[in-house]
Structures are given as C-alpha cells and as structure tokens.
Amino acid sequence: MKTPQPRYRCPLGRLQVNQKPDPEDVKKQGWKEQHILVISPEDERLDWYEQQLLRNIGDRLYGEEGGQRG
C-alpha cells in the first residue's frame, strides 16, 4: 500500500495575503493586456441581441449549450 508523501510547506506561504482578486478586475486586465474577453451571455449589461450573439459564437466554437462538449 502506498502512502502519500507529506508536502513541504513553503515558509513564504505565511506571508501571502489570502485575498482573492475581484473577477471584474481580472477580466478587465485580461482584455487590456491580452485581448481575451470573458463574459457571460446572461450579463445584465448586455441587451438581448448581444446576449444572443455571444450564445451563437459559443455554440459555434464549443458546441451547443447543454450538449456534450469535447
């Protein structure tokens, strides 16, 4: 029987602040620096047409919503 090896805990880990970044800030930075857009079709800031456009693009690239993707 194999037993898991204990992991070495880095002493610097205690110095890190356990604060999660704001998701909107991460998305904004991703767009500005790498032109990566992360947005939900259910985002309330979008009108119906924009939401449907995102769904159509997602379905085309990754398969239909609710379907098996792979």
N, C-alpha and C. Protein backbone atom coordinates (compact mmCIF):
# COMPACT_ATOMS: atom_id res chain seq x y z
N MET A 1 0.84 -1.18 0.00
CA MET A 1 0.00 0.00 0.00
C MET A 1 0.88 1.24 0.00
N LYS A 2 0.57 2.15 -0.89
CA LYS A 2 1.35 3.38 -0.96
C LYS A 2 0.71 4.43 -0.07
N THR A 3 1.54 5.11 0.65
CA THR A 3 1.06 6.22 1.48
C THR A 3 1.51 7.52 0.84
N PRO A 4 0.66 8.53 0.84
CA PRO A 4 1.07 9.80 0.23
C PRO A 4 2.20 10.45 1.00
N GLN A 5 3.11 11.02 0.25
CA GLN A 5 4.24 11.72 0.86
C GLN A 5 3.77 13.08 1.37
N PRO A 6 4.21 13.48 2.55
CA PRO A 6 3.81 14.81 3.03
C PRO A 6 4.44 15.88 2.14
N ARG A 7 3.68 16.92 1.88
CA ARG A 7 4.18 18.01 1.05
C ARG A 7 4.93 19.00 1.91
N TYR A 8 5.99 19.53 1.35
CA TYR A 8 6.77 20.56 2.02
C TYR A 8 6.00 21.86 1.94
N ARG A 9 5.78 22.49 3.05
CA ARG A 9 5.08 23.78 3.07
C ARG A 9 6.11 24.90 3.09
N CYS A 10 6.04 25.72 2.08
CA CYS A 10 6.97 26.83 1.95
C CYS A 10 6.72 27.86 3.05
N PRO A 11 7.76 28.29 3.75
CA PRO A 11 7.56 29.28 4.81
C PRO A 11 7.07 30.63 4.29
N LEU A 12 7.24 30.90 2.99
CA LEU A 12 6.77 32.16 2.43
C LEU A 12 5.25 32.20 2.33
N GLY A 13 4.61 31.04 2.38
CA GLY A 13 3.17 30.98 2.29
C GLY A 13 2.48 31.76 3.40
N ARG A 14 3.13 31.85 4.55
CA ARG A 14 2.55 32.59 5.66
C ARG A 14 2.52 34.09 5.39
N LEU A 15 3.36 34.55 4.48
CA LEU A 15 3.44 35.98 4.20
C LEU A 15 2.41 36.43 3.17
N GLN A 16 1.78 35.48 2.47
CA GLN A 16 0.82 35.84 1.45
C GLN A 16 -0.49 36.27 2.09
N VAL A 17 -1.10 37.25 1.49
CA VAL A 17 -2.41 37.71 1.94
C VAL A 17 -3.45 36.84 1.25
N ASN A 18 -4.34 36.25 2.03
CA ASN A 18 -5.38 35.39 1.46
C ASN A 18 -6.54 36.24 0.98
N GLN A 19 -6.30 37.00 -0.07
CA GLN A 19 -7.31 37.87 -0.62
C GLN A 19 -7.47 37.52 -2.09
N LYS A 20 -8.70 37.22 -2.49
CA LYS A 20 -8.97 36.87 -3.88
C LYS A 20 -9.13 38.15 -4.69
N PRO A 21 -8.59 38.15 -5.92
CA PRO A 21 -8.76 39.33 -6.76
C PRO A 21 -10.21 39.45 -7.24
N ASP A 22 -10.67 40.66 -7.49
CA ASP A 22 -12.00 40.89 -7.99
C ASP A 22 -12.10 40.34 -9.41
N PRO A 23 -13.09 39.47 -9.69
CA PRO A 23 -13.19 38.88 -11.03
C PRO A 23 -13.32 39.92 -12.14
N GLU A 24 -14.03 41.00 -11.89
CA GLU A 24 -14.17 42.04 -12.92
C GLU A 24 -12.83 42.69 -13.22
N ASP A 25 -12.00 42.87 -12.22
CA ASP A 25 -10.66 43.43 -12.44
C ASP A 25 -9.80 42.48 -13.26
N VAL A 26 -9.92 41.18 -12.99
CA VAL A 26 -9.15 40.18 -13.73
C VAL A 26 -9.60 40.17 -15.19
N LYS A 27 -10.91 40.25 -15.43
CA LYS A 27 -11.43 40.26 -16.80
C LYS A 27 -10.98 41.52 -17.54
N LYS A 28 -11.02 42.66 -16.86
CA LYS A 28 -10.61 43.92 -17.48
C LYS A 28 -9.12 43.87 -17.85
N GLN A 29 -8.31 43.35 -16.94
CA GLN A 29 -6.86 43.25 -17.19
C GLN A 29 -6.60 42.28 -18.35
N GLY A 30 -7.32 41.16 -18.39
CA GLY A 30 -7.15 40.19 -19.48
C GLY A 30 -7.47 40.80 -20.83
N TRP A 31 -8.50 41.63 -20.87
CA TRP A 31 -8.86 42.28 -22.14
C TRP A 31 -7.82 43.30 -22.56
N LYS A 32 -7.40 44.13 -21.62
CA LYS A 32 -6.48 45.21 -21.94
C LYS A 32 -5.09 44.69 -22.32
N GLU A 33 -4.66 43.63 -21.65
CA GLU A 33 -3.29 43.15 -21.87
C GLU A 33 -3.18 42.08 -22.95
N GLN A 34 -4.21 41.20 -23.05
CA GLN A 34 -4.08 40.06 -23.96
C GLN A 34 -5.24 39.92 -24.94
N HIS A 35 -6.18 40.86 -24.90
CA HIS A 35 -7.36 40.82 -25.76
C HIS A 35 -8.14 39.52 -25.60
N ILE A 36 -8.27 39.09 -24.35
CA ILE A 36 -9.08 37.92 -24.00
C ILE A 36 -10.36 38.45 -23.37
N LEU A 37 -11.49 38.08 -23.94
CA LEU A 37 -12.78 38.56 -23.45
C LEU A 37 -13.49 37.43 -22.72
N VAL A 38 -13.85 37.66 -21.48
CA VAL A 38 -14.60 36.69 -20.68
C VAL A 38 -15.90 37.35 -20.26
N ILE A 39 -17.00 36.84 -20.80
CA ILE A 39 -18.30 37.45 -20.48
C ILE A 39 -19.38 36.39 -20.58
N SER A 40 -20.34 36.47 -19.69
CA SER A 40 -21.47 35.56 -19.68
C SER A 40 -22.58 36.11 -20.55
N PRO A 41 -23.25 35.25 -21.32
CA PRO A 41 -24.40 35.73 -22.09
C PRO A 41 -25.54 36.23 -21.20
N GLU A 42 -25.52 35.88 -19.93
CA GLU A 42 -26.55 36.34 -19.00
C GLU A 42 -26.19 37.67 -18.33
N ASP A 43 -25.08 38.26 -18.73
CA ASP A 43 -24.67 39.53 -18.14
C ASP A 43 -25.76 40.58 -18.37
N GLU A 44 -26.23 41.19 -17.30
CA GLU A 44 -27.34 42.13 -17.38
C GLU A 44 -26.99 43.43 -18.10
N ARG A 45 -25.71 43.68 -18.31
CA ARG A 45 -25.30 44.89 -19.02
C ARG A 45 -25.49 44.78 -20.52
N LEU A 46 -25.79 43.56 -21.00
CA LEU A 46 -25.97 43.33 -22.43
C LEU A 46 -27.45 43.34 -22.78
N ASP A 47 -27.76 43.81 -24.00
CA ASP A 47 -29.15 43.71 -24.46
C ASP A 47 -29.37 42.31 -25.06
N TRP A 48 -30.60 42.03 -25.46
CA TRP A 48 -30.94 40.69 -25.96
C TRP A 48 -30.09 40.30 -27.15
N TYR A 49 -29.91 41.22 -28.08
CA TYR A 49 -29.14 40.92 -29.28
C TYR A 49 -27.70 40.53 -28.94
N GLU A 50 -27.06 41.26 -28.04
CA GLU A 50 -25.68 40.96 -27.65
C GLU A 50 -25.59 39.61 -26.93
N GLN A 51 -26.56 39.32 -26.08
CA GLN A 51 -26.59 38.02 -25.39
C GLN A 51 -26.71 36.88 -26.40
N GLN A 52 -27.60 37.04 -27.38
CA GLN A 52 -27.78 36.00 -28.39
C GLN A 52 -26.55 35.84 -29.25
N LEU A 53 -25.89 36.94 -29.57
CA LEU A 53 -24.65 36.88 -30.34
C LEU A 53 -23.59 36.06 -29.61
N LEU A 54 -23.45 36.29 -28.31
CA LEU A 54 -22.48 35.52 -27.53
C LEU A 54 -22.83 34.03 -27.52
N ARG A 55 -24.12 33.71 -27.37
CA ARG A 55 -24.53 32.31 -27.39
C ARG A 55 -24.20 31.66 -28.74
N ASN A 56 -24.47 32.38 -29.81
CA ASN A 56 -24.19 31.84 -31.15
C ASN A 56 -22.70 31.59 -31.35
N ILE A 57 -21.86 32.51 -30.90
CA ILE A 57 -20.41 32.33 -31.02
C ILE A 57 -19.96 31.15 -30.17
N GLY A 58 -20.45 31.08 -28.93
CA GLY A 58 -20.08 29.95 -28.06
C GLY A 58 -20.50 28.62 -28.63
N ASP A 59 -21.73 28.55 -29.17
CA ASP A 59 -22.22 27.30 -29.77
C ASP A 59 -21.38 26.92 -30.98
N ARG A 60 -21.01 27.90 -31.78
CA ARG A 60 -20.22 27.61 -32.98
C ARG A 60 -18.83 27.09 -32.63
N LEU A 61 -18.21 27.71 -31.63
CA LEU A 61 -16.83 27.33 -31.29
C LEU A 61 -16.75 26.09 -30.41
N TYR A 62 -17.73 25.91 -29.52
CA TYR A 62 -17.59 24.88 -28.48
C TYR A 62 -18.76 23.90 -28.43
N GLY A 63 -19.70 24.00 -29.33
CA GLY A 63 -20.86 23.11 -29.30
C GLY A 63 -22.02 23.79 -28.60
N GLU A 64 -23.20 23.25 -28.79
CA GLU A 64 -24.39 23.87 -28.25
C GLU A 64 -24.43 23.81 -26.73
N GLU A 65 -25.10 24.80 -26.14
CA GLU A 65 -25.27 24.85 -24.69
C GLU A 65 -26.01 23.60 -24.23
N GLY A 66 -25.57 23.04 -23.10
CA GLY A 66 -26.23 21.88 -22.54
C GLY A 66 -25.83 20.58 -23.22
N GLY A 67 -25.20 20.65 -24.36
CA GLY A 67 -24.77 19.45 -25.07
C GLY A 67 -23.41 18.99 -24.57
N GLN A 68 -23.01 17.82 -25.01
CA GLN A 68 -21.70 17.33 -24.60
C GLN A 68 -20.64 18.04 -25.40
N ARG A 69 -19.64 18.49 -24.70
CA ARG A 69 -18.54 19.20 -25.36
C ARG A 69 -17.29 18.36 -25.26
N GLY A 70 -16.48 18.43 -26.25
CA GLY A 70 -15.26 17.67 -26.14
C GLY A 70 -14.39 17.92 -27.23
